[in-house]
Structures are given as structure tokens and as C-alpha cells.
């Protein structure tokens, strides 16, 4: 039993090392806003081979900054209509 658990643990660890880390950001400021001055270089600096970026946007009026950030994220979800 212990040997089976050790093998399963090793398999899971190896699998996790081969996957990209998923990072999620939630913000109403994915637009022309002072926070975008920090978000734009942050999104651009992520290595797509190592990180998978998810953005949950609470922006009601999208602009060119919204479009730029959307292009930098692997997955973009607009959540403004939820609240």
C-alpha cells in the first residue's frame, strides 16, 4: 500500500511540474485608470510558457487599455454584468 501511495504521489508531483501555473486577476480597473500603469507591465512580464493568466474584468466601459490587457491574458472573462 505504501509503495502504491509513493508512486501515485510521484506521478502527481511530476504532472504538476509540467503544467503552467494559473494566475487569476480580478479588477474593475482593466481600463484607462492609474492601476493600469502597474497592470500593463505586470501582464506583459508573465512568461506564457510558465504561467497561464486569467483575467476577470469588472469594466463597464472598455477602452484601448482594456483591449491591450485582454490580448495579454490567456483567458478573459467579463464579469461586469454579474453585479
N, C-alpha and C. Protein backbone atom coordinates (compact mmCIF):
# COMPACT_ATOMS: atom_id res chain seq x y z
N UNK A 1 0.81 -1.19 0.00
CA UNK A 1 0.00 0.00 0.00
C UNK A 1 0.86 1.27 0.00
N UNK A 2 1.90 1.27 0.84
CA UNK A 2 2.76 2.44 0.94
C UNK A 2 3.49 2.68 -0.38
N UNK A 3 3.90 1.61 -1.05
CA UNK A 3 4.59 1.74 -2.33
C UNK A 3 3.66 2.33 -3.38
N UNK A 4 2.41 1.91 -3.38
CA UNK A 4 1.43 2.46 -4.33
C UNK A 4 1.20 3.94 -4.08
N UNK A 5 1.12 4.35 -2.82
CA UNK A 5 0.93 5.75 -2.48
C UNK A 5 2.14 6.58 -2.91
N UNK A 6 3.32 6.04 -2.71
CA UNK A 6 4.54 6.75 -3.10
C UNK A 6 4.59 6.95 -4.61
N UNK A 7 4.22 5.93 -5.37
CA UNK A 7 4.20 6.04 -6.83
C UNK A 7 3.17 7.06 -7.30
N UNK A 8 2.00 7.03 -6.67
CA UNK A 8 0.94 7.98 -7.04
C UNK A 8 1.38 9.41 -6.71
N UNK A 9 2.00 9.60 -5.58
CA UNK A 9 2.50 10.91 -5.18
C UNK A 9 3.54 11.41 -6.17
N UNK A 10 4.44 10.54 -6.59
CA UNK A 10 5.47 10.91 -7.57
C UNK A 10 4.84 11.27 -8.91
N UNK A 11 3.83 10.51 -9.34
CA UNK A 11 3.15 10.79 -10.60
C UNK A 11 2.47 12.16 -10.56
N UNK A 12 1.81 12.46 -9.46
CA UNK A 12 1.13 13.74 -9.32
C UNK A 12 2.14 14.88 -9.30
N UNK A 13 3.22 14.73 -8.57
CA UNK A 13 4.25 15.77 -8.50
C UNK A 13 4.85 16.04 -9.87
N UNK A 14 5.16 14.99 -10.61
CA UNK A 14 5.72 15.14 -11.95
C UNK A 14 4.72 15.85 -12.86
N UNK A 15 3.46 15.48 -12.77
CA UNK A 15 2.42 16.10 -13.58
C UNK A 15 2.30 17.58 -13.27
N UNK A 16 2.38 17.94 -11.99
CA UNK A 16 2.24 19.34 -11.60
C UNK A 16 3.42 20.17 -12.08
N UNK A 17 4.60 19.59 -12.12
CA UNK A 17 5.77 20.32 -12.58
C UNK A 17 5.71 20.62 -14.07
N UNK A 18 4.96 19.84 -14.82
CA UNK A 18 4.88 20.02 -16.26
C UNK A 18 3.78 20.99 -16.67
N UNK A 19 2.94 21.41 -15.73
CA UNK A 19 1.84 22.32 -16.05
C UNK A 19 2.24 23.76 -15.75
N UNK A 20 1.58 24.68 -16.47
CA UNK A 20 1.78 26.09 -16.19
C UNK A 20 1.01 26.47 -14.92
N UNK A 21 1.54 27.40 -14.19
CA UNK A 21 0.86 27.93 -13.01
C UNK A 21 -0.25 28.86 -13.48
N UNK A 22 -1.44 28.68 -12.97
CA UNK A 22 -2.57 29.53 -13.34
C UNK A 22 -2.68 30.68 -12.35
N UNK A 23 -2.71 31.90 -12.88
CA UNK A 23 -2.82 33.10 -12.06
C UNK A 23 -4.05 33.86 -12.51
N UNK A 24 -4.88 34.25 -11.55
CA UNK A 24 -6.09 34.99 -11.87
C UNK A 24 -6.06 36.39 -11.29
N UNK A 25 -6.52 37.34 -12.08
CA UNK A 25 -6.64 38.74 -11.65
C UNK A 25 -8.11 39.15 -11.79
N UNK A 26 -8.62 39.85 -10.81
CA UNK A 26 -9.99 40.37 -10.83
C UNK A 26 -9.89 41.87 -10.59
N UNK A 27 -10.50 42.66 -11.50
CA UNK A 27 -10.39 44.11 -11.32
C UNK A 27 -11.42 44.87 -12.12
N UNK A 28 -11.88 46.01 -11.59
CA UNK A 28 -12.70 46.94 -12.36
C UNK A 28 -11.81 47.96 -13.07
N UNK A 29 -10.48 47.80 -12.93
CA UNK A 29 -9.54 48.79 -13.45
C UNK A 29 -8.74 48.32 -14.66
N UNK A 30 -9.26 47.36 -15.40
CA UNK A 30 -8.63 46.94 -16.66
C UNK A 30 -9.06 47.94 -17.74
N UNK A 31 -8.68 49.19 -17.56
CA UNK A 31 -9.07 50.29 -18.44
C UNK A 31 -8.13 51.46 -18.18
N UNK A 32 -8.39 52.61 -18.82
CA UNK A 32 -7.56 53.79 -18.57
C UNK A 32 -7.81 54.23 -17.13
N UNK A 33 -6.92 53.84 -16.26
CA UNK A 33 -7.00 54.08 -14.83
C UNK A 33 -5.58 54.01 -14.29
N UNK A 34 -5.31 54.66 -13.18
CA UNK A 34 -3.95 54.68 -12.64
C UNK A 34 -3.41 53.26 -12.37
N UNK A 35 -4.28 52.33 -12.01
CA UNK A 35 -3.84 50.94 -11.77
C UNK A 35 -3.28 50.29 -13.04
N UNK A 36 -3.77 50.73 -14.19
CA UNK A 36 -3.28 50.15 -15.45
C UNK A 36 -1.79 50.40 -15.64
N UNK A 37 -1.26 51.47 -15.04
CA UNK A 37 0.18 51.73 -15.12
C UNK A 37 0.99 50.62 -14.48
N UNK A 38 0.40 49.90 -13.55
CA UNK A 38 1.06 48.77 -12.91
C UNK A 38 0.67 47.45 -13.57
N UNK A 39 -0.56 47.35 -14.02
CA UNK A 39 -1.05 46.10 -14.60
C UNK A 39 -0.44 45.81 -15.96
N UNK A 40 -0.28 46.82 -16.78
CA UNK A 40 0.24 46.59 -18.14
C UNK A 40 1.61 45.92 -18.12
N UNK A 41 2.60 46.47 -17.41
CA UNK A 41 3.91 45.78 -17.39
C UNK A 41 3.86 44.43 -16.68
N UNK A 42 2.99 44.31 -15.68
CA UNK A 42 2.85 43.03 -14.98
C UNK A 42 2.35 41.95 -15.93
N UNK A 43 1.28 42.24 -16.66
CA UNK A 43 0.75 41.27 -17.63
C UNK A 43 1.78 40.95 -18.70
N UNK A 44 2.49 41.96 -19.17
CA UNK A 44 3.48 41.76 -20.23
C UNK A 44 4.68 40.93 -19.77
N UNK A 45 4.99 40.97 -18.48
CA UNK A 45 6.18 40.28 -17.96
C UNK A 45 5.96 38.79 -17.72
N UNK A 46 4.73 38.34 -17.69
CA UNK A 46 4.47 36.91 -17.45
C UNK A 46 4.98 36.08 -18.63
N UNK A 47 5.70 35.04 -18.31
CA UNK A 47 6.20 34.10 -19.31
C UNK A 47 5.07 33.10 -19.62
N UNK A 48 4.53 33.18 -20.83
CA UNK A 48 3.39 32.33 -21.21
C UNK A 48 3.73 30.84 -21.15
N UNK A 49 4.99 30.49 -21.21
CA UNK A 49 5.37 29.09 -21.12
C UNK A 49 5.26 28.57 -19.68
N UNK A 50 5.31 29.49 -18.71
CA UNK A 50 5.27 29.09 -17.31
C UNK A 50 3.98 29.46 -16.60
N UNK A 51 3.29 30.49 -17.12
CA UNK A 51 2.10 31.00 -16.44
C UNK A 51 0.93 31.10 -17.39
N UNK A 52 -0.25 30.78 -16.90
CA UNK A 52 -1.48 30.92 -17.66
C UNK A 52 -2.32 31.99 -16.94
N UNK A 53 -2.53 33.12 -17.61
CA UNK A 53 -3.18 34.27 -16.99
C UNK A 53 -4.67 34.27 -17.27
N UNK A 54 -5.45 34.39 -16.20
CA UNK A 54 -6.90 34.52 -16.28
C UNK A 54 -7.25 35.91 -15.76
N UNK A 55 -8.04 36.65 -16.51
CA UNK A 55 -8.46 37.99 -16.09
C UNK A 55 -9.98 38.02 -16.03
N UNK A 56 -10.48 38.50 -14.90
CA UNK A 56 -11.91 38.66 -14.69
C UNK A 56 -12.17 40.16 -14.59
N UNK A 57 -12.74 40.71 -15.65
CA UNK A 57 -12.88 42.15 -15.81
C UNK A 57 -14.26 42.63 -15.36
N UNK A 58 -14.24 43.61 -14.45
CA UNK A 58 -15.47 44.25 -13.99
C UNK A 58 -15.59 45.65 -14.62
N UNK A 59 -15.06 45.79 -15.83
CA UNK A 59 -15.07 47.07 -16.55
C UNK A 59 -16.39 47.22 -17.30
N UNK A 60 -17.03 48.36 -17.12
CA UNK A 60 -18.29 48.61 -17.83
C UNK A 60 -18.07 49.40 -19.12
N UNK A 61 -17.00 50.19 -19.18
CA UNK A 61 -16.67 50.96 -20.38
C UNK A 61 -15.25 50.60 -20.82
N UNK A 62 -15.16 49.69 -21.76
CA UNK A 62 -13.86 49.24 -22.23
C UNK A 62 -13.19 50.30 -23.10
N UNK A 63 -11.86 50.28 -23.12
CA UNK A 63 -11.10 51.21 -23.94
C UNK A 63 -9.87 50.50 -24.51
N UNK A 64 -8.92 51.25 -25.04
CA UNK A 64 -7.74 50.63 -25.67
C UNK A 64 -6.87 49.89 -24.65
N UNK A 65 -6.86 50.35 -23.41
CA UNK A 65 -6.09 49.66 -22.36
C UNK A 65 -6.75 48.30 -22.07
N UNK A 66 -8.06 48.28 -22.04
CA UNK A 66 -8.80 47.02 -21.85
C UNK A 66 -8.40 46.03 -22.93
N UNK A 67 -8.38 46.50 -24.17
CA UNK A 67 -8.03 45.63 -25.30
C UNK A 67 -6.59 45.13 -25.19
N UNK A 68 -5.69 45.99 -24.76
CA UNK A 68 -4.28 45.59 -24.60
C UNK A 68 -4.14 44.51 -23.52
N UNK A 69 -4.80 44.71 -22.39
CA UNK A 69 -4.73 43.73 -21.31
C UNK A 69 -5.39 42.42 -21.72
N UNK A 70 -6.52 42.52 -22.42
CA UNK A 70 -7.22 41.31 -22.89
C UNK A 70 -6.29 40.48 -23.77
N UNK A 71 -5.52 41.13 -24.62
CA UNK A 71 -4.60 40.42 -25.52
C UNK A 71 -3.47 39.74 -24.75
N UNK A 72 -3.16 40.24 -23.57
CA UNK A 72 -2.07 39.66 -22.76
C UNK A 72 -2.51 38.48 -21.92
N UNK A 73 -3.80 38.30 -21.76
CA UNK A 73 -4.31 37.22 -20.91
C UNK A 73 -4.66 35.99 -21.75
N UNK A 74 -4.42 34.82 -21.20
CA UNK A 74 -4.79 33.59 -21.90
C UNK A 74 -6.30 33.44 -21.92
N UNK A 75 -6.94 33.84 -20.82
CA UNK A 75 -8.40 33.75 -20.71
C UNK A 75 -8.93 35.05 -20.14
N UNK A 76 -9.94 35.59 -20.78
CA UNK A 76 -10.55 36.86 -20.36
C UNK A 76 -12.04 36.63 -20.15
N UNK A 77 -12.53 37.05 -19.00
CA UNK A 77 -13.96 36.94 -18.71
C UNK A 77 -14.46 38.30 -18.26
N UNK A 78 -15.51 38.78 -18.90
CA UNK A 78 -16.16 40.00 -18.47
C UNK A 78 -17.20 39.61 -17.42
N UNK A 79 -17.06 40.20 -16.23
CA UNK A 79 -17.98 39.88 -15.14
C UNK A 79 -18.80 41.09 -14.70
N UNK A 80 -18.71 42.17 -15.46
CA UNK A 80 -19.39 43.42 -15.08
C UNK A 80 -20.90 43.23 -15.00
N UNK A 81 -21.44 42.37 -15.80
CA UNK A 81 -22.88 42.13 -15.82
C UNK A 81 -23.38 41.31 -14.62
N UNK A 82 -22.47 40.79 -13.82
CA UNK A 82 -22.86 39.94 -12.70
C UNK A 82 -23.25 40.70 -11.45
N UNK A 83 -22.84 41.95 -11.36
CA UNK A 83 -23.14 42.64 -10.13
C UNK A 83 -23.61 43.99 -10.34
